[in-house]
Amino acid sequence: MEQQFLNPEYVRHAGLIITAPFLALLFSRLELTQNNEFINSSSQHRAVQLLNYVASGAEENLEYELVAHKILCGMQPNEPLITGTPLTHAEKEVADDMLMAITQQWTALNTTSKQGLRETFIMRDGIIEDDENAFYLKVEQKAFDVLLDQIPWDIGRIKLSWMHKILEVTWR
């Protein structure tokens, strides 16, 4: 049964959820996590900043656009984000490597650039709602979504070790 959205919140970059299986390695490589948990709240906030770069290729952000980013980093959507220093070249490089790994493992996209991945799938609008058990995300549909049938990992239910609630996703 499809989730009924009674009080939905608008979400930018809802397609960021396709990166979920790669986030533990990304955050570990950048020493933001240890034993699959964020080292501290600064690391968690840094991870949100990093996901903004992953999603858009930019560092500037409007906090209201970071709902999906915060949820994937185990934060509440309305929790204030404390940003620190700009991302380093090395951090961006590791994030770019992750995007390329996604296109390599999702063979239907193996010739797609990182910007192509962003524009085609990650930079999608959506709506989200939550209850005490889960977040429920519905991602905007587009013609390219037929390629989601070939994605080799599950995007319907996401629960990373640092997330307090499951993220249930409806995309197609």
C-alpha atoms as a PDB file:
ATOM      1  CA  MET A   1       0.000   0.000   0.000  1.00  0.00           C
ATOM      2  CA  GLU A   2       1.392   3.396  -0.980  1.00  0.00           C
ATOM      3  CA  GLN A   3       2.058   5.914   1.789  1.00  0.00           C
ATOM      4  CA  GLN A   4      -0.501   8.720   2.025  1.00  0.00           C
ATOM      5  CA  PHE A   5       1.186  12.089   2.534  1.00  0.00           C
ATOM      6  CA  LEU A   6      -0.916  14.228   4.881  1.00  0.00           C
ATOM      7  CA  ASN A   7       1.720  16.830   5.834  1.00  0.00           C
ATOM      8  CA  PRO A   8       4.440  16.473   3.222  1.00  0.00           C
ATOM      9  CA  GLU A   9       7.649  18.462   3.180  1.00  0.00           C
ATOM     10  CA  TYR A  10       9.345  19.383  -0.086  1.00  0.00           C
ATOM     11  CA  VAL A  11      12.750  17.755  -0.692  1.00  0.00           C
ATOM     12  CA  ARG A  12      15.511  18.809  -3.089  1.00  0.00           C
ATOM     13  CA  HIS A  13      18.018  16.214  -4.287  1.00  0.00           C
ATOM     14  CA  ALA A  14      15.715  13.346  -3.314  1.00  0.00           C
ATOM     15  CA  GLY A  15      17.617  11.101  -5.721  1.00  0.00           C
ATOM     16  CA  LEU A  16      20.596  11.300  -3.381  1.00  0.00           C
ATOM     17  CA  ILE A  17      19.228   8.086  -1.890  1.00  0.00           C
ATOM     18  CA  ILE A  18      20.859   6.100  -4.702  1.00  0.00           C
ATOM     19  CA  THR A  19      24.213   6.841  -3.034  1.00  0.00           C
ATOM     20  CA  ALA A  20      23.208   5.189   0.260  1.00  0.00           C
ATOM     21  CA  PRO A  21      25.155   1.913  -0.162  1.00  0.00           C
ATOM     22  CA  PHE A  22      28.327   3.921  -0.814  1.00  0.00           C
ATOM     23  CA  LEU A  23      28.103   6.367   2.085  1.00  0.00           C
ATOM     24  CA  ALA A  24      29.676   4.224   4.813  1.00  0.00           C
ATOM     25  CA  LEU A  25      32.850   3.855   2.754  1.00  0.00           C
ATOM     26  CA  LEU A  26      32.829   7.531   1.723  1.00  0.00           C
ATOM     27  CA  PHE A  27      32.532   8.782   5.292  1.00  0.00           C
ATOM     28  CA  SER A  28      35.057   6.247   6.564  1.00  0.00           C
ATOM     29  CA  ARG A  29      37.623   7.205   3.913  1.00  0.00           C
ATOM     30  CA  LEU A  30      37.266  10.831   4.974  1.00  0.00           C
ATOM     31  CA  GLU A  31      37.539   9.865   8.655  1.00  0.00           C
ATOM     32  CA  LEU A  32      34.093  11.212   9.517  1.00  0.00           C
ATOM     33  CA  THR A  33      32.988   7.869  10.956  1.00  0.00           C
ATOM     34  CA  GLN A  34      34.512   5.197  13.117  1.00  0.00           C
ATOM     35  CA  ASN A  35      32.891   1.786  13.684  1.00  0.00           C
ATOM     36  CA  ASN A  36      30.023   2.891  11.411  1.00  0.00           C
ATOM     37  CA  GLU A  37      29.089   5.860  13.612  1.00  0.00           C
ATOM     38  CA  PHE A  38      29.919   9.531  13.199  1.00  0.00           C
ATOM     39  CA  ILE A  39      32.883  10.524  15.340  1.00  0.00           C
ATOM     40  CA  ASN A  40      31.061  13.609  16.630  1.00  0.00           C
ATOM     41  CA  SER A  41      28.405  16.112  15.599  1.00  0.00           C
ATOM     42  CA  SER A  42      30.972  18.151  13.645  1.00  0.00           C
ATOM     43  CA  SER A  43      31.719  15.090  11.517  1.00  0.00           C
ATOM     44  CA  GLN A  44      28.008  14.547  10.977  1.00  0.00           C
ATOM     45  CA  HIS A  45      27.523  18.151   9.871  1.00  0.00           C
ATOM     46  CA  ARG A  46      30.580  17.875   7.604  1.00  0.00           C
ATOM     47  CA  ALA A  47      28.999  14.800   6.009  1.00  0.00           C
ATOM     48  CA  VAL A  48      25.862  16.824   5.207  1.00  0.00           C
ATOM     49  CA  GLN A  49      28.052  19.478   3.551  1.00  0.00           C
ATOM     50  CA  LEU A  50      29.784  16.750   1.582  1.00  0.00           C
ATOM     51  CA  LEU A  51      26.464  15.281   0.420  1.00  0.00           C
ATOM     52  CA  ASN A  52      25.471  18.701  -0.860  1.00  0.00           C
ATOM     53  CA  TYR A  53      28.578  18.616  -3.054  1.00  0.00           C
ATOM     54  CA  VAL A  54      27.783  15.037  -4.119  1.00  0.00           C
ATOM     55  CA  ALA A  55      24.238  16.064  -5.070  1.00  0.00           C
ATOM     56  CA  SER A  56      24.895  19.358  -6.804  1.00  0.00           C
ATOM     57  CA  GLY A  57      28.607  19.750  -7.462  1.00  0.00           C
ATOM     58  CA  ALA A  58      28.435  22.980  -5.469  1.00  0.00           C
ATOM     59  CA  GLU A  59      29.333  23.915  -1.927  1.00  0.00           C
ATOM     60  CA  GLU A  60      26.829  26.698  -1.443  1.00  0.00           C
ATOM     61  CA  ASN A  61      23.614  25.550   0.105  1.00  0.00           C
ATOM     62  CA  LEU A  62      20.309  26.724   1.359  1.00  0.00           C
ATOM     63  CA  GLU A  63      19.574  24.784   4.495  1.00  0.00           C
ATOM     64  CA  TYR A  64      15.965  24.085   3.561  1.00  0.00           C
ATOM     65  CA  GLU A  65      17.306  22.150   0.538  1.00  0.00           C
ATOM     66  CA  LEU A  66      19.297  19.729   2.712  1.00  0.00           C
ATOM     67  CA  VAL A  67      16.474  17.537   4.036  1.00  0.00           C
ATOM     68  CA  ALA A  68      17.533  14.329   2.252  1.00  0.00           C
ATOM     69  CA  HIS A  69      21.180  15.021   3.086  1.00  0.00           C
ATOM     70  CA  LYS A  70      20.432  15.342   6.796  1.00  0.00           C
ATOM     71  CA  ILE A  71      18.278  12.209   6.899  1.00  0.00           C
ATOM     72  CA  LEU A  72      20.998  10.159   5.185  1.00  0.00           C
ATOM     73  CA  CYS A  73      23.434  11.447   7.823  1.00  0.00           C
ATOM     74  CA  GLY A  74      21.157  10.548  10.747  1.00  0.00           C
ATOM     75  CA  MET A  75      20.016  14.092  11.513  1.00  0.00           C
ATOM     76  CA  GLN A  76      16.474  15.375  11.861  1.00  0.00           C
ATOM     77  CA  PRO A  77      15.404  17.499   8.867  1.00  0.00           C
ATOM     78  CA  ASN A  78      14.758  20.552  11.072  1.00  0.00           C
ATOM     79  CA  GLU A  79      18.033  20.211  13.008  1.00  0.00           C
ATOM     80  CA  PRO A  80      20.208  23.299  12.367  1.00  0.00           C
ATOM     81  CA  LEU A  81      23.309  22.673  10.293  1.00  0.00           C
ATOM     82  CA  ILE A  82      26.582  24.104  11.525  1.00  0.00           C
ATOM     83  CA  THR A  83      28.936  24.529   8.595  1.00  0.00           C
ATOM     84  CA  GLY A  84      32.631  24.932   9.062  1.00  0.00           C
ATOM     85  CA  THR A  85      35.411  25.354   6.601  1.00  0.00           C
ATOM     86  CA  PRO A  86      34.909  24.826   2.878  1.00  0.00           C
ATOM     87  CA  LEU A  87      35.404  21.309   1.569  1.00  0.00           C
ATOM     88  CA  THR A  88      38.966  20.448   0.652  1.00  0.00           C
ATOM     89  CA  HIS A  89      40.080  19.366  -2.797  1.00  0.00           C
ATOM     90  CA  ALA A  90      40.778  15.893  -1.366  1.00  0.00           C
ATOM     91  CA  GLU A  91      37.234  15.609   0.058  1.00  0.00           C
ATOM     92  CA  LYS A  92      35.729  16.572  -3.286  1.00  0.00           C
ATOM     93  CA  GLU A  93      37.972  14.100  -5.077  1.00  0.00           C
ATOM     94  CA  VAL A  94      36.852  11.215  -2.844  1.00  0.00           C
ATOM     95  CA  ALA A  95      33.206  12.240  -3.394  1.00  0.00           C
ATOM     96  CA  ASP A  96      33.762  12.361  -7.162  1.00  0.00           C
ATOM     97  CA  ASP A  97      35.342   8.902  -7.016  1.00  0.00           C
ATOM     98  CA  MET A  98      32.205   7.635  -5.278  1.00  0.00           C
ATOM     99  CA  LEU A  99      29.986   9.039  -8.042  1.00  0.00           C
ATOM    100  CA  MET A 100      32.113   7.322 -10.668  1.00  0.00           C
ATOM    101  CA  ALA A 101      31.954   4.054  -8.696  1.00  0.00           C
ATOM    102  CA  ILE A 102      28.159   4.304  -8.788  1.00  0.00           C
ATOM    103  CA  THR A 103      28.130   4.645 -12.581  1.00  0.00           C
ATOM    104  CA  GLN A 104      30.574   1.736 -12.917  1.00  0.00           C
ATOM    105  CA  GLN A 105      28.523  -0.593 -10.718  1.00  0.00           C
ATOM    106  CA  TRP A 106      25.214   0.464 -12.275  1.00  0.00           C
ATOM    107  CA  THR A 107      26.173  -0.851 -15.696  1.00  0.00           C
ATOM    108  CA  ALA A 108      23.296   0.893 -17.479  1.00  0.00           C
ATOM    109  CA  LEU A 109      25.128   4.144 -16.649  1.00  0.00           C
ATOM    110  CA  ASN A 110      28.715   3.042 -17.244  1.00  0.00           C
ATOM    111  CA  THR A 111      29.431   5.853 -19.730  1.00  0.00           C
ATOM    112  CA  THR A 112      27.616   8.523 -17.700  1.00  0.00           C
ATOM    113  CA  SER A 113      29.629  11.395 -16.230  1.00  0.00           C
ATOM    114  CA  LYS A 114      29.299  12.402 -12.591  1.00  0.00           C
ATOM    115  CA  GLN A 115      27.391  15.518 -13.682  1.00  0.00           C
ATOM    116  CA  GLY A 116      25.158  13.362 -15.871  1.00  0.00           C
ATOM    117  CA  LEU A 117      24.390  11.155 -12.856  1.00  0.00           C
ATOM    118  CA  ARG A 118      23.581  14.227 -10.785  1.00  0.00           C
ATOM    119  CA  GLU A 119      21.319  15.790 -13.408  1.00  0.00           C
ATOM    120  CA  THR A 120      19.563  12.575 -14.419  1.00  0.00           C
ATOM    121  CA  PHE A 121      18.926  10.964 -11.036  1.00  0.00           C
ATOM    122  CA  ILE A 122      20.273  12.766  -7.965  1.00  0.00           C
ATOM    123  CA  MET A 123      18.862  16.265  -8.517  1.00  0.00           C
ATOM    124  CA  ARG A 124      15.245  15.135  -8.235  1.00  0.00           C
ATOM    125  CA  ASP A 125      12.546  16.769  -6.238  1.00  0.00           C
ATOM    126  CA  GLY A 126      10.449  14.776  -3.841  1.00  0.00           C
ATOM    127  CA  ILE A 127       8.151  14.933  -0.868  1.00  0.00           C
ATOM    128  CA  ILE A 128       8.785  13.444   2.533  1.00  0.00           C
ATOM    129  CA  GLU A 129       6.839  12.779   5.666  1.00  0.00           C
ATOM    130  CA  ASP A 130       7.677  10.897   8.825  1.00  0.00           C
ATOM    131  CA  ASP A 131       6.174   9.213  11.820  1.00  0.00           C
ATOM    132  CA  GLU A 132       7.743   7.655  14.906  1.00  0.00           C
ATOM    133  CA  ASN A 133       8.984   4.634  12.908  1.00  0.00           C
ATOM    134  CA  ALA A 134      10.154   5.863   9.516  1.00  0.00           C
ATOM    135  CA  PHE A 135      10.612   8.579   6.946  1.00  0.00           C
ATOM    136  CA  TYR A 136       8.563   8.138   3.765  1.00  0.00           C
ATOM    137  CA  LEU A 137      10.036   9.667   0.612  1.00  0.00           C
ATOM    138  CA  LYS A 138       8.357   9.884  -2.773  1.00  0.00           C
ATOM    139  CA  VAL A 139      10.749  10.838  -5.585  1.00  0.00           C
ATOM    140  CA  GLU A 140       9.655  12.742  -8.676  1.00  0.00           C
ATOM    141  CA  GLN A 141       9.356  10.457 -11.709  1.00  0.00           C
ATOM    142  CA  LYS A 142      11.021  11.091 -15.066  1.00  0.00           C
ATOM    143  CA  ALA A 143      11.511   9.183 -18.315  1.00  0.00           C
ATOM    144  CA  PHE A 144      14.994   7.909 -17.393  1.00  0.00           C
ATOM    145  CA  ASP A 145      13.521   6.024 -14.424  1.00  0.00           C
ATOM    146  CA  VAL A 146      13.249   2.889 -16.552  1.00  0.00           C
ATOM    147  CA  LEU A 147      16.992   2.511 -15.790  1.00  0.00           C
ATOM    148  CA  LEU A 148      16.183   2.094 -12.089  1.00  0.00           C
ATOM    149  CA  ASP A 149      15.133  -1.469 -12.929  1.00  0.00           C
ATOM    150  CA  GLN A 150      18.815  -2.198 -13.563  1.00  0.00           C
ATOM    151  CA  ILE A 151      20.248  -0.683 -10.389  1.00  0.00           C
ATOM    152  CA  PRO A 152      22.056  -3.513  -8.566  1.00  0.00           C
ATOM    153  CA  TRP A 153      21.138  -2.417  -5.030  1.00  0.00           C
ATOM    154  CA  ASP A 154      17.936  -1.769  -3.119  1.00  0.00           C
ATOM    155  CA  ILE A 155      16.679   1.803  -3.021  1.00  0.00           C
ATOM    156  CA  GLY A 156      13.249   1.038  -1.588  1.00  0.00           C
ATOM    157  CA  ARG A 157      14.266   0.807   2.050  1.00  0.00           C
ATOM    158  CA  ILE A 158      17.339   2.501   3.497  1.00  0.00           C
ATOM    159  CA  LYS A 159      18.694   2.134   7.011  1.00  0.00           C
ATOM    160  CA  LEU A 160      22.309   3.126   7.532  1.00  0.00           C
ATOM    161  CA  SER A 161      23.896   2.330  10.893  1.00  0.00           C
ATOM    162  CA  TRP A 162      23.809   5.954  12.067  1.00  0.00           C
ATOM    163  CA  MET A 163      20.203   6.570  10.997  1.00  0.00           C
ATOM    164  CA  HIS A 164      17.618   6.484  13.779  1.00  0.00           C
ATOM    165  CA  LYS A 165      14.723   5.604  11.462  1.00  0.00           C
ATOM    166  CA  ILE A 166      14.233   3.640   8.276  1.00  0.00           C
ATOM    167  CA  LEU A 167      13.787   5.627   5.069  1.00  0.00           C
ATOM    168  CA  GLU A 168      11.036   4.083   2.918  1.00  0.00           C
ATOM    169  CA  VAL A 169      11.330   5.223  -0.705  1.00  0.00           C
ATOM    170  CA  THR A 170       8.775   5.229  -3.506  1.00  0.00           C
ATOM    171  CA  TRP A 171      10.376   6.119  -6.818  1.00  0.00           C
ATOM    172  CA  ARG A 172       8.556   4.207  -9.549  1.00  0.00           C
END
